[in-house]
Full PDB file with SEQRES, HELIX, SHEET, SSBOND, CRYST1, ORIGX, SCALE, CONECT and MASTER records, all heavy atoms in Angstrom:
SEQRES   1 A   41  GLY CYS ALA GLY PHE ILE GLY MET HIS CYS ALA ARG ARG          
SEQRES   2 A   41  LEU LEU GLU ARG GLY ASP GLU VAL THR GLY ILE ASP ASN          
SEQRES   3 A   41  LEU SER PRO TYR TYR SER VAL GLN LEU LYS ARG ASP ARG          
SEQRES   4 A   41  LEU GLY                                                      
HELIX    1 AA1 PHE A    5  GLU A   16  1                                  12    
HELIX    2 AA2 VAL A   33  LEU A   40  1                                   8    
CRYST1    1.000    1.000    1.000  90.00  90.00  90.00 P 1           1          
ORIGX1      1.000000  0.000000  0.000000        0.00000                         
ORIGX2      0.000000  1.000000  0.000000        0.00000                         
ORIGX3      0.000000  0.000000  1.000000        0.00000                         
SCALE1      1.000000  0.000000  0.000000        0.00000                         
SCALE2      0.000000  1.000000  0.000000        0.00000                         
SCALE3      0.000000  0.000000  1.000000        0.00000                         
ATOM      1  N   GLY A   1     -47.772  38.753 -18.979  1.00  0.00           N  
ATOM      2  CA  GLY A   1     -46.741  38.275 -18.066  1.00  0.00           C  
ATOM      3  C   GLY A   1     -45.566  37.674 -18.806  1.00  0.00           C  
ATOM      4  O   GLY A   1     -44.931  36.725 -18.322  1.00  0.00           O  
ATOM      5  N   CYS A   2     -45.225  38.253 -19.976  1.00  0.00           N  
ATOM      6  CA  CYS A   2     -44.184  37.638 -20.811  1.00  0.00           C  
ATOM      7  C   CYS A   2     -42.790  37.791 -20.220  1.00  0.00           C  
ATOM      8  O   CYS A   2     -41.857  37.113 -20.659  1.00  0.00           O  
ATOM      9  CB  CYS A   2     -44.228  38.203 -22.223  1.00  0.00           C  
ATOM     10  SG  CYS A   2     -43.767  39.947 -22.310  1.00  0.00           S  
ATOM     11  N   ALA A   3     -42.616  38.679 -19.232  1.00  0.00           N  
ATOM     12  CA  ALA A   3     -41.324  38.791 -18.554  1.00  0.00           C  
ATOM     13  C   ALA A   3     -41.264  37.926 -17.304  1.00  0.00           C  
ATOM     14  O   ALA A   3     -40.277  37.949 -16.583  1.00  0.00           O  
ATOM     15  CB  ALA A   3     -41.038  40.249 -18.188  1.00  0.00           C  
ATOM     16  N   GLY A   4     -42.327  37.170 -17.058  1.00  0.00           N  
ATOM     17  CA  GLY A   4     -42.356  36.257 -15.928  1.00  0.00           C  
ATOM     18  C   GLY A   4     -41.665  34.948 -16.247  1.00  0.00           C  
ATOM     19  O   GLY A   4     -41.233  34.700 -17.379  1.00  0.00           O  
ATOM     20  N   PHE A   5     -41.586  34.098 -15.248  1.00  0.00           N  
ATOM     21  CA  PHE A   5     -40.877  32.818 -15.367  1.00  0.00           C  
ATOM     22  C   PHE A   5     -41.505  31.933 -16.451  1.00  0.00           C  
ATOM     23  O   PHE A   5     -40.872  31.616 -17.474  1.00  0.00           O  
ATOM     24  CB  PHE A   5     -40.897  32.142 -13.995  1.00  0.00           C  
ATOM     25  CG  PHE A   5     -40.334  30.742 -13.943  1.00  0.00           C  
ATOM     26  CD1 PHE A   5     -39.302  30.344 -14.763  1.00  0.00           C  
ATOM     27  CD2 PHE A   5     -40.850  29.821 -13.031  1.00  0.00           C  
ATOM     28  CE1 PHE A   5     -38.777  29.054 -14.701  1.00  0.00           C  
ATOM     29  CE2 PHE A   5     -40.344  28.542 -12.949  1.00  0.00           C  
ATOM     30  CZ  PHE A   5     -39.316  28.157 -13.790  1.00  0.00           C  
ATOM     31  N   ILE A   6     -42.752  31.558 -16.275  1.00  0.00           N  
ATOM     32  CA  ILE A   6     -43.413  30.687 -17.253  1.00  0.00           C  
ATOM     33  C   ILE A   6     -43.683  31.461 -18.535  1.00  0.00           C  
ATOM     34  O   ILE A   6     -43.564  30.928 -19.639  1.00  0.00           O  
ATOM     35  CB  ILE A   6     -44.708  30.102 -16.672  1.00  0.00           C  
ATOM     36  CG1 ILE A   6     -44.404  29.271 -15.415  1.00  0.00           C  
ATOM     37  CG2 ILE A   6     -45.429  29.233 -17.701  1.00  0.00           C  
ATOM     38  CD1 ILE A   6     -45.649  28.781 -14.683  1.00  0.00           C  
ATOM     39  N   GLY A   7     -44.043  32.742 -18.406  1.00  0.00           N  
ATOM     40  CA  GLY A   7     -44.372  33.540 -19.573  1.00  0.00           C  
ATOM     41  C   GLY A   7     -43.236  33.648 -20.565  1.00  0.00           C  
ATOM     42  O   GLY A   7     -43.426  33.514 -21.776  1.00  0.00           O  
ATOM     43  N   MET A   8     -42.003  33.905 -20.073  1.00  0.00           N  
ATOM     44  CA  MET A   8     -40.867  34.015 -20.974  1.00  0.00           C  
ATOM     45  C   MET A   8     -40.612  32.695 -21.694  1.00  0.00           C  
ATOM     46  O   MET A   8     -40.397  32.655 -22.911  1.00  0.00           O  
ATOM     47  CB  MET A   8     -39.618  34.444 -20.195  1.00  0.00           C  
ATOM     48  CG  MET A   8     -38.353  34.577 -21.057  1.00  0.00           C  
ATOM     49  SD  MET A   8     -37.465  33.013 -21.333  1.00  0.00           S  
ATOM     50  CE  MET A   8     -36.653  32.802 -19.758  1.00  0.00           C  
ATOM     51  N   HIS A   9     -40.651  31.587 -20.942  1.00  0.00           N  
ATOM     52  CA  HIS A   9     -40.398  30.285 -21.565  1.00  0.00           C  
ATOM     53  C   HIS A   9     -41.446  29.963 -22.627  1.00  0.00           C  
ATOM     54  O   HIS A   9     -41.114  29.442 -23.708  1.00  0.00           O  
ATOM     55  CB  HIS A   9     -40.378  29.196 -20.492  1.00  0.00           C  
ATOM     56  CG  HIS A   9     -39.088  29.119 -19.725  1.00  0.00           C  
ATOM     57  ND1 HIS A   9     -37.961  28.510 -20.225  1.00  0.00           N  
ATOM     58  CD2 HIS A   9     -38.755  29.559 -18.482  1.00  0.00           C  
ATOM     59  CE1 HIS A   9     -36.978  28.576 -19.335  1.00  0.00           C  
ATOM     60  NE2 HIS A   9     -37.439  29.213 -18.270  1.00  0.00           N  
ATOM     61  N   CYS A  10     -42.716  30.263 -22.340  1.00  0.00           N  
ATOM     62  CA  CYS A  10     -43.777  29.986 -23.318  1.00  0.00           C  
ATOM     63  C   CYS A  10     -43.630  30.877 -24.543  1.00  0.00           C  
ATOM     64  O   CYS A  10     -43.768  30.411 -25.682  1.00  0.00           O  
ATOM     65  CB  CYS A  10     -45.150  30.189 -22.681  1.00  0.00           C  
ATOM     66  SG  CYS A  10     -45.679  28.869 -21.560  1.00  0.00           S  
ATOM     67  N   ALA A  11     -43.352  32.172 -24.330  1.00  0.00           N  
ATOM     68  CA  ALA A  11     -43.199  33.087 -25.455  1.00  0.00           C  
ATOM     69  C   ALA A  11     -42.037  32.659 -26.345  1.00  0.00           C  
ATOM     70  O   ALA A  11     -42.126  32.695 -27.582  1.00  0.00           O  
ATOM     71  CB  ALA A  11     -42.995  34.506 -24.943  1.00  0.00           C  
ATOM     72  N   ARG A  12     -40.948  32.237 -25.722  1.00  0.00           N  
ATOM     73  CA  ARG A  12     -39.786  31.811 -26.509  1.00  0.00           C  
ATOM     74  C   ARG A  12     -40.113  30.586 -27.356  1.00  0.00           C  
ATOM     75  O   ARG A  12     -39.761  30.527 -28.542  1.00  0.00           O  
ATOM     76  CB  ARG A  12     -38.606  31.518 -25.578  1.00  0.00           C  
ATOM     77  CG  ARG A  12     -37.311  31.209 -26.312  1.00  0.00           C  
ATOM     78  CD  ARG A  12     -36.118  31.232 -25.376  1.00  0.00           C  
ATOM     79  NE  ARG A  12     -36.200  30.203 -24.353  1.00  0.00           N  
ATOM     80  CZ  ARG A  12     -35.287  30.053 -23.378  1.00  0.00           C  
ATOM     81  NH1 ARG A  12     -34.264  30.895 -23.300  1.00  0.00           N  
ATOM     82  NH2 ARG A  12     -35.420  29.092 -22.475  1.00  0.00           N  
ATOM     83  N   ARG A  13     -40.824  29.629 -26.766  1.00  0.00           N  
ATOM     84  CA  ARG A  13     -41.204  28.433 -27.530  1.00  0.00           C  
ATOM     85  C   ARG A  13     -42.169  28.785 -28.664  1.00  0.00           C  
ATOM     86  O   ARG A  13     -42.066  28.230 -29.770  1.00  0.00           O  
ATOM     87  CB  ARG A  13     -41.818  27.402 -26.597  1.00  0.00           C  
ATOM     88  CG  ARG A  13     -42.163  26.079 -27.272  1.00  0.00           C  
ATOM     89  CD  ARG A  13     -40.966  25.181 -27.449  1.00  0.00           C  
ATOM     90  NE  ARG A  13     -40.466  24.761 -26.156  1.00  0.00           N  
ATOM     91  CZ  ARG A  13     -40.944  23.713 -25.450  1.00  0.00           C  
ATOM     92  NH1 ARG A  13     -41.945  23.003 -25.928  1.00  0.00           N  
ATOM     93  NH2 ARG A  13     -40.420  23.409 -24.284  1.00  0.00           N  
ATOM     94  N   LEU A  14     -43.104  29.691 -28.424  1.00  0.00           N  
ATOM     95  CA  LEU A  14     -44.025  30.118 -29.477  1.00  0.00           C  
ATOM     96  C   LEU A  14     -43.262  30.740 -30.641  1.00  0.00           C  
ATOM     97  O   LEU A  14     -43.536  30.455 -31.813  1.00  0.00           O  
ATOM     98  CB  LEU A  14     -45.039  31.118 -28.920  1.00  0.00           C  
ATOM     99  CG  LEU A  14     -46.133  30.547 -28.018  1.00  0.00           C  
ATOM    100  CD1 LEU A  14     -46.819  31.667 -27.247  1.00  0.00           C  
ATOM    101  CD2 LEU A  14     -47.163  29.757 -28.831  1.00  0.00           C  
ATOM    102  N   LEU A  15     -42.294  31.591 -30.328  1.00  0.00           N  
ATOM    103  CA  LEU A  15     -41.491  32.216 -31.378  1.00  0.00           C  
ATOM    104  C   LEU A  15     -40.666  31.188 -32.136  1.00  0.00           C  
ATOM    105  O   LEU A  15     -40.549  31.251 -33.367  1.00  0.00           O  
ATOM    106  CB  LEU A  15     -40.573  33.277 -30.769  1.00  0.00           C  
ATOM    107  CG  LEU A  15     -41.264  34.524 -30.213  1.00  0.00           C  
ATOM    108  CD1 LEU A  15     -40.307  35.328 -29.339  1.00  0.00           C  
ATOM    109  CD2 LEU A  15     -41.815  35.388 -31.341  1.00  0.00           C  
ATOM    110  N   GLU A  16     -40.114  30.227 -31.418  1.00  0.00           N  
ATOM    111  CA  GLU A  16     -39.284  29.199 -32.056  1.00  0.00           C  
ATOM    112  C   GLU A  16     -40.089  28.341 -33.021  1.00  0.00           C  
ATOM    113  O   GLU A  16     -39.543  27.863 -34.026  1.00  0.00           O  
ATOM    114  CB  GLU A  16     -38.636  28.316 -30.989  1.00  0.00           C  
ATOM    115  CG  GLU A  16     -37.529  29.017 -30.216  1.00  0.00           C  
ATOM    116  CD  GLU A  16     -37.046  28.232 -29.009  1.00  0.00           C  
ATOM    117  OE1 GLU A  16     -37.668  27.204 -28.663  1.00  0.00           O  
ATOM    118  OE2 GLU A  16     -36.034  28.658 -28.407  1.00  0.00           O  
ATOM    119  N   ARG A  17     -41.368  28.178 -32.748  1.00  0.00           N  
ATOM    120  CA  ARG A  17     -42.179  27.343 -33.645  1.00  0.00           C  
ATOM    121  C   ARG A  17     -42.828  28.166 -34.762  1.00  0.00           C  
ATOM    122  O   ARG A  17     -43.547  27.614 -35.599  1.00  0.00           O  
ATOM    123  CB  ARG A  17     -43.233  26.574 -32.855  1.00  0.00           C  
ATOM    124  CG  ARG A  17     -44.412  27.377 -32.402  1.00  0.00           C  
ATOM    125  CD  ARG A  17     -45.401  26.530 -31.620  1.00  0.00           C  
ATOM    126  NE  ARG A  17     -46.703  27.165 -31.543  1.00  0.00           N  
ATOM    127  CZ  ARG A  17     -47.767  26.628 -30.968  1.00  0.00           C  
ATOM    128  NH1 ARG A  17     -47.672  25.425 -30.396  1.00  0.00           N  
ATOM    129  NH2 ARG A  17     -48.928  27.256 -30.961  1.00  0.00           N  
ATOM    130  N   GLY A  18     -42.596  29.492 -34.782  1.00  0.00           N  
ATOM    131  CA  GLY A  18     -43.048  30.307 -35.901  1.00  0.00           C  
ATOM    132  C   GLY A  18     -44.245  31.191 -35.648  1.00  0.00           C  
ATOM    133  O   GLY A  18     -44.745  31.833 -36.576  1.00  0.00           O  
ATOM    134  N   ASP A  19     -44.729  31.264 -34.423  1.00  0.00           N  
ATOM    135  CA  ASP A  19     -45.857  32.140 -34.119  1.00  0.00           C  
ATOM    136  C   ASP A  19     -45.381  33.573 -33.914  1.00  0.00           C  
ATOM    137  O   ASP A  19     -44.209  33.823 -33.616  1.00  0.00           O  
ATOM    138  CB  ASP A  19     -46.580  31.665 -32.852  1.00  0.00           C  
ATOM    139  CG  ASP A  19     -47.316  30.356 -33.062  1.00  0.00           C  
ATOM    140  OD1 ASP A  19     -47.909  30.182 -34.141  1.00  0.00           O  
ATOM    141  OD2 ASP A  19     -47.288  29.507 -32.157  1.00  0.00           O  
ATOM    142  N   GLU A  20     -46.310  34.506 -34.056  1.00  0.00           N  
ATOM    143  CA  GLU A  20     -46.067  35.893 -33.690  1.00  0.00           C  
ATOM    144  C   GLU A  20     -46.527  36.086 -32.255  1.00  0.00           C  
ATOM    145  O   GLU A  20     -47.567  35.570 -31.860  1.00  0.00           O  
ATOM    146  CB  GLU A  20     -46.842  36.852 -34.606  1.00  0.00           C  
ATOM    147  CG  GLU A  20     -46.437  36.776 -36.060  1.00  0.00           C  
ATOM    148  CD  GLU A  20     -47.276  37.696 -36.922  1.00  0.00           C  
ATOM    149  OE1 GLU A  20     -48.126  38.432 -36.372  1.00  0.00           O  
ATOM    150  OE2 GLU A  20     -47.089  37.672 -38.146  1.00  0.00           O  
ATOM    151  N   VAL A  21     -45.759  36.828 -31.484  1.00  0.00           N  
ATOM    152  CA  VAL A  21     -46.079  37.017 -30.070  1.00  0.00           C  
ATOM    153  C   VAL A  21     -46.137  38.503 -29.745  1.00  0.00           C  
ATOM    154  O   VAL A  21     -45.192  39.246 -30.015  1.00  0.00           O  
ATOM    155  CB  VAL A  21     -45.036  36.328 -29.152  1.00  0.00           C  
ATOM    156  CG1 VAL A  21     -45.291  36.680 -27.680  1.00  0.00           C  
ATOM    157  CG2 VAL A  21     -45.064  34.820 -29.347  1.00  0.00           C  
ATOM    158  N   THR A  22     -47.273  38.917 -29.185  1.00  0.00           N  
ATOM    159  CA  THR A  22     -47.391  40.230 -28.574  1.00  0.00           C  
ATOM    160  C   THR A  22     -47.314  40.030 -27.071  1.00  0.00           C  
ATOM    161  O   THR A  22     -48.157  39.319 -26.498  1.00  0.00           O  
ATOM    162  CB  THR A  22     -48.724  40.905 -28.941  1.00  0.00           C  
ATOM    163  OG1 THR A  22     -48.800  41.047 -30.366  1.00  0.00           O  
ATOM    164  CG2 THR A  22     -48.834  42.269 -28.280  1.00  0.00           C  
ATOM    165  N   GLY A  23     -46.305  40.587 -26.450  1.00  0.00           N  
ATOM    166  CA  GLY A  23     -46.082  40.366 -25.023  1.00  0.00           C  
ATOM    167  C   GLY A  23     -46.441  41.590 -24.202  1.00  0.00           C  
ATOM    168  O   GLY A  23     -46.154  42.726 -24.593  1.00  0.00           O  
ATOM    169  N   ILE A  24     -47.085  41.336 -23.063  1.00  0.00           N  
ATOM    170  CA  ILE A  24     -47.446  42.386 -22.113  1.00  0.00           C  
ATOM    171  C   ILE A  24     -46.822  42.049 -20.766  1.00  0.00           C  
ATOM    172  O   ILE A  24     -46.849  40.890 -20.332  1.00  0.00           O  
ATOM    173  CB  ILE A  24     -48.980  42.473 -21.917  1.00  0.00           C  
ATOM    174  CG1 ILE A  24     -49.689  42.862 -23.202  1.00  0.00           C  
ATOM    175  CG2 ILE A  24     -49.338  43.471 -20.817  1.00  0.00           C  
ATOM    176  CD1 ILE A  24     -51.205  42.809 -23.064  1.00  0.00           C  
ATOM    177  N   ASP A  25     -46.289  43.049 -20.094  1.00  0.00           N  
ATOM    178  CA  ASP A  25     -45.846  42.883 -18.711  1.00  0.00           C  
ATOM    179  C   ASP A  25     -45.767  44.264 -18.081  1.00  0.00           C  
ATOM    180  O   ASP A  25     -45.400  45.233 -18.759  1.00  0.00           O  
ATOM    181  CB  ASP A  25     -44.484  42.188 -18.644  1.00  0.00           C  
ATOM    182  CG  ASP A  25     -44.247  41.480 -17.316  1.00  0.00           C  
ATOM    183  OD1 ASP A  25     -44.085  42.182 -16.289  1.00  0.00           O  
ATOM    184  OD2 ASP A  25     -44.234  40.236 -17.298  1.00  0.00           O  
ATOM    185  N   ASN A  26     -46.112  44.362 -16.797  1.00  0.00           N  
ATOM    186  CA  ASN A  26     -45.991  45.661 -16.125  1.00  0.00           C  
ATOM    187  C   ASN A  26     -44.668  45.818 -15.386  1.00  0.00           C  
ATOM    188  O   ASN A  26     -44.418  46.853 -14.773  1.00  0.00           O  
ATOM    189  CB  ASN A  26     -47.166  45.897 -15.171  1.00  0.00           C  
ATOM    190  CG  ASN A  26     -47.145  44.979 -13.955  1.00  0.00           C  
ATOM    191  OD1 ASN A  26     -46.330  44.051 -13.870  1.00  0.00           O  
ATOM    192  ND2 ASN A  26     -48.048  45.219 -13.020  1.00  0.00           N  
ATOM    193  N   LEU A  27     -43.816  44.774 -15.448  1.00  0.00           N  
ATOM    194  CA  LEU A  27     -42.506  44.803 -14.781  1.00  0.00           C  
ATOM    195  C   LEU A  27     -42.642  45.213 -13.314  1.00  0.00           C  
ATOM    196  O   LEU A  27     -41.902  46.056 -12.800  1.00  0.00           O  
ATOM    197  CB  LEU A  27     -41.531  45.715 -15.525  1.00  0.00           C  
ATOM    198  CG  LEU A  27     -41.241  45.330 -16.983  1.00  0.00           C  
ATOM    199  CD1 LEU A  27     -40.250  46.308 -17.609  1.00  0.00           C  
ATOM    200  CD2 LEU A  27     -40.715  43.914 -17.084  1.00  0.00           C  
ATOM    201  N   SER A  28     -43.571  44.577 -12.642  1.00  0.00           N  
ATOM    202  CA  SER A  28     -43.814  44.833 -11.218  1.00  0.00           C  
ATOM    203  C   SER A  28     -42.543  44.624 -10.409  1.00  0.00           C  
ATOM    204  O   SER A  28     -41.783  43.679 -10.647  1.00  0.00           O  
ATOM    205  CB  SER A  28     -44.902  43.887 -10.704  1.00  0.00           C  
ATOM    206  OG  SER A  28     -44.849  43.744  -9.308  1.00  0.00           O  
ATOM    207  N   PRO A  29     -42.299  45.469  -9.402  1.00  0.00           N  
ATOM    208  CA  PRO A  29     -41.107  45.318  -8.560  1.00  0.00           C  
ATOM    209  C   PRO A  29     -41.285  44.318  -7.418  1.00  0.00           C  
ATOM    210  O   PRO A  29     -40.484  44.320  -6.485  1.00  0.00           O  
ATOM    211  CB  PRO A  29     -40.893  46.731  -8.020  1.00  0.00           C  
ATOM    212  CG  PRO A  29     -42.267  47.307  -7.923  1.00  0.00           C  
ATOM    213  CD  PRO A  29     -43.019  46.734  -9.091  1.00  0.00           C  
ATOM    214  N   TYR A  30     -42.302  43.460  -7.486  1.00  0.00           N  
ATOM    215  CA  TYR A  30     -42.491  42.441  -6.443  1.00  0.00           C  
ATOM    216  C   TYR A  30     -41.209  41.634  -6.236  1.00  0.00           C  
ATOM    217  O   TYR A  30     -40.862  41.274  -5.111  1.00  0.00           O  
ATOM    218  CB  TYR A  30     -43.653  41.531  -6.832  1.00  0.00           C  
ATOM    219  CG  TYR A  30     -43.748  40.253  -6.011  1.00  0.00           C  
ATOM    220  CD1 TYR A  30     -44.090  40.286  -4.665  1.00  0.00           C  
ATOM    221  CD2 TYR A  30     -43.481  39.018  -6.590  1.00  0.00           C  
ATOM    222  CE1 TYR A  30     -44.170  39.125  -3.920  1.00  0.00           C  
ATOM    223  CE2 TYR A  30     -43.558  37.854  -5.854  1.00  0.00           C  
ATOM    224  CZ  TYR A  30     -43.902  37.905  -4.512  1.00  0.00           C  
ATOM    225  OH  TYR A  30     -43.967  36.744  -3.772  1.00  0.00           O  
ATOM    226  N   TYR A  31     -40.515  41.331  -7.334  1.00  0.00           N  
ATOM    227  CA  TYR A  31     -39.153  40.787  -7.233  1.00  0.00           C  
ATOM    228  C   TYR A  31     -38.314  41.451  -8.317  1.00  0.00           C  
ATOM    229  O   TYR A  31     -38.804  42.308  -9.059  1.00  0.00           O  
ATOM    230  CB  TYR A  31     -39.115  39.255  -7.311  1.00  0.00           C  
ATOM    231  CG  TYR A  31     -39.582  38.634  -8.602  1.00  0.00           C  
ATOM    232  CD1 TYR A  31     -38.751  38.558  -9.708  1.00  0.00           C  
ATOM    233  CD2 TYR A  31     -40.860  38.081  -8.717  1.00  0.00           C  
ATOM    234  CE1 TYR A  31     -39.161  37.982 -10.895  1.00  0.00           C  
ATOM    235  CE2 TYR A  31     -41.287  37.498  -9.892  1.00  0.00           C  
ATOM    236  CZ  TYR A  31     -40.431  37.445 -10.978  1.00  0.00           C  
ATOM    237  OH  TYR A  31     -40.844  36.872 -12.154  1.00  0.00           O  
ATOM    238  N   SER A  32     -37.068  41.094  -8.416  1.00  0.00           N  
ATOM    239  CA  SER A  32     -36.069  41.775  -9.243  1.00  0.00           C  
ATOM    240  C   SER A  32     -36.569  42.143 -10.641  1.00  0.00           C  
ATOM    241  O   SER A  32     -36.851  41.263 -11.469  1.00  0.00           O  
ATOM    242  CB  SER A  32     -34.836  40.876  -9.389  1.00  0.00           C  
ATOM    243  OG  SER A  32     -33.964  41.390 -10.373  1.00  0.00           O  
ATOM    244  N   VAL A  33     -36.649  43.438 -10.898  1.00  0.00           N  
ATOM    245  CA  VAL A  33     -37.015  43.902 -12.232  1.00  0.00           C  
ATOM    246  C   VAL A  33     -35.888  43.585 -13.220  1.00  0.00           C  
ATOM    247  O   VAL A  33     -36.142  43.323 -14.403  1.00  0.00           O  
ATOM    248  CB  VAL A  33     -37.326  45.410 -12.213  1.00  0.00           C  
ATOM    249  CG1 VAL A  33     -37.550  45.945 -13.623  1.00  0.00           C  
ATOM    250  CG2 VAL A  33     -38.558  45.687 -11.349  1.00  0.00           C  
ATOM    251  N   GLN A  34     -34.650  43.562 -12.735  1.00  0.00           N  
ATOM    252  CA  GLN A  34     -33.533  43.223 -13.624  1.00  0.00           C  
ATOM    253  C   GLN A  34     -33.672  41.797 -14.152  1.00  0.00           C  
ATOM    254  O   GLN A  34     -33.389  41.538 -15.334  1.00  0.00           O  
ATOM    255  CB  GLN A  34     -32.193  43.387 -12.900  1.00  0.00           C  
ATOM    256  CG  GLN A  34     -30.991  43.196 -13.817  1.00  0.00           C  
ATOM    257  CD  GLN A  34     -30.993  44.158 -14.986  1.00  0.00           C  
ATOM    258  OE1 GLN A  34     -31.092  45.363 -14.803  1.00  0.00           O  
ATOM    259  NE2 GLN A  34     -30.891  43.630 -16.206  1.00  0.00           N  
ATOM    260  N   LEU A  35     -34.096  40.882 -13.300  1.00  0.00           N  
ATOM    261  CA  LEU A  35     -34.319  39.504 -13.764  1.00  0.00           C  
ATOM    262  C   LEU A  35     -35.381  39.499 -14.859  1.00  0.00           C  
ATOM    263  O   LEU A  35     -35.237  38.797 -15.873  1.00  0.00           O  
ATOM    264  CB  LEU A  35     -34.740  38.618 -12.592  1.00  0.00           C  
ATOM    265  CG  LEU A  35     -35.167  37.182 -12.933  1.00  0.00           C  
ATOM    266  CD1 LEU A  35     -34.037  36.421 -13.617  1.00  0.00           C  
ATOM    267  CD2 LEU A  35     -35.628  36.444 -11.669  1.00  0.00           C  
ATOM    268  N   LYS A  36     -36.435  40.263 -14.670  1.00  0.00           N  
ATOM    269  CA  LYS A  36     -37.491  40.325 -15.688  1.00  0.00           C  
ATOM    270  C   LYS A  36     -36.959  40.917 -16.988  1.00  0.00           C  
ATOM    271  O   LYS A  36     -37.279  40.431 -18.081  1.00  0.00           O  
ATOM    272  CB  LYS A  36     -38.674  41.139 -15.159  1.00  0.00           C  
ATOM    273  CG  LYS A  36     -39.351  40.492 -13.958  1.00  0.00           C  
ATOM    274  CD  LYS A  36     -40.512  41.323 -13.438  1.00  0.00           C  
ATOM    275  CE  LYS A  36     -41.133  40.647 -12.215  1.00  0.00           C  
ATOM    276  NZ  LYS A  36     -42.319  41.369 -11.717  1.00  0.00           N  
ATOM    277  N   ARG A  37     -36.135  41.948 -16.886  1.00  0.00           N  
ATOM    278  CA  ARG A  37     -35.552  42.542 -18.101  1.00  0.00           C  
ATOM    279  C   ARG A  37     -34.602  41.549 -18.780  1.00  0.00           C  
ATOM    280  O   ARG A  37     -34.531  41.484 -20.015  1.00  0.00           O  
ATOM    281  CB  ARG A  37     -34.822  43.833 -17.752  1.00  0.00           C  
ATOM    282  CG  ARG A  37     -35.759  44.955 -17.293  1.00  0.00           C  
ATOM    283  CD  ARG A  37     -35.047  46.293 -17.252  1.00  0.00           C  
ATOM    284  NE  ARG A  37     -35.913  47.337 -16.709  1.00  0.00           N  
ATOM    285  CZ  ARG A  37     -36.874  47.965 -17.392  1.00  0.00           C  
ATOM    286  NH1 ARG A  37     -37.074  47.637 -18.668  1.00  0.00           N  
ATOM    287  NH2 ARG A  37     -37.603  48.903 -16.820  1.00  0.00           N  
ATOM    288  N   ASP A  38     -33.887  40.778 -17.991  1.00  0.00           N  
ATOM    289  CA  ASP A  38     -32.998  39.777 -18.578  1.00  0.00           C  
ATOM    290  C   ASP A  38     -33.796  38.676 -19.270  1.00  0.00           C  
ATOM    291  O   ASP A  38     -33.364  38.146 -20.306  1.00  0.00           O  
ATOM    292  CB  ASP A  38     -32.097  39.183 -17.497  1.00  0.00           C  
ATOM    293  CG  ASP A  38     -31.059  40.175 -16.993  1.00  0.00           C  
ATOM    294  OD1 ASP A  38     -30.800  41.184 -17.685  1.00  0.00           O  
ATOM    295  OD2 ASP A  38     -30.512  39.956 -15.888  1.00  0.00           O  
ATOM    296  N   ARG A  39     -34.942  38.326 -18.695  1.00  0.00           N  
ATOM    297  CA  ARG A  39     -35.816  37.365 -19.393  1.00  0.00           C  
ATOM    298  C   ARG A  39     -36.295  37.954 -20.716  1.00  0.00           C  
ATOM    299  O   ARG A  39     -36.310  37.264 -21.747  1.00  0.00           O  
ATOM    300  CB  ARG A  39     -37.011  36.996 -18.519  1.00  0.00           C  
ATOM    301  CG  ARG A  39     -36.701  36.164 -17.289  1.00  0.00           C  
ATOM    302  CD  ARG A  39     -38.000  35.810 -16.616  1.00  0.00           C  
ATOM    303  NE  ARG A  39     -37.858  35.131 -15.326  1.00  0.00           N  
ATOM    304  CZ  ARG A  39     -38.530  35.468 -14.233  1.00  0.00           C  
ATOM    305  NH1 ARG A  39     -39.378  36.501 -14.256  1.00  0.00           N  
ATOM    306  NH2 ARG A  39     -38.377  34.792 -13.114  1.00  0.00           N  
ATOM    307  N   LEU A  40     -36.705  39.212 -20.683  1.00  0.00           N  
ATOM    308  CA  LEU A  40     -37.131  39.865 -21.928  1.00  0.00           C  
ATOM    309  C   LEU A  40     -36.017  39.853 -22.962  1.00  0.00           C  
ATOM    310  O   LEU A  40     -36.267  39.773 -24.173  1.00  0.00           O  
ATOM    311  CB  LEU A  40     -37.560  41.303 -21.651  1.00  0.00           C  
ATOM    312  CG  LEU A  40     -38.957  41.516 -21.086  1.00  0.00           C  
ATOM    313  CD1 LEU A  40     -39.188  42.996 -20.785  1.00  0.00           C  
ATOM    314  CD2 LEU A  40     -40.030  40.998 -22.046  1.00  0.00           C  
ATOM    315  N   GLY A  41     -34.775  39.914 -22.488  1.00  0.00           N  
ATOM    316  CA  GLY A  41     -33.643  39.854 -23.397  1.00  0.00           C  
ATOM    317  C   GLY A  41     -33.574  38.563 -24.188  1.00  0.00           C  
ATOM    318  O   GLY A  41     -32.930  38.511 -25.244  1.00  0.00           O  
TER     319      GLY A  41                                                      
MASTER        0    0    0    2    0    0    0    6  318    1    0    4          
END                                                                             
C-alpha cells in the first residue's frame, strides 16, 4: 500500500532515514488513481 496515504508517508520516512524500501500497490480505482500516482512521485 505504498501509494496509499499512510503508506507513502511511511515509505518516504524510511527512505529518508536510510532504509531500502520495496513498495507494493495495486493502484485500486476505489479513489483517484492520479492521487496515488502523485504520491508515488
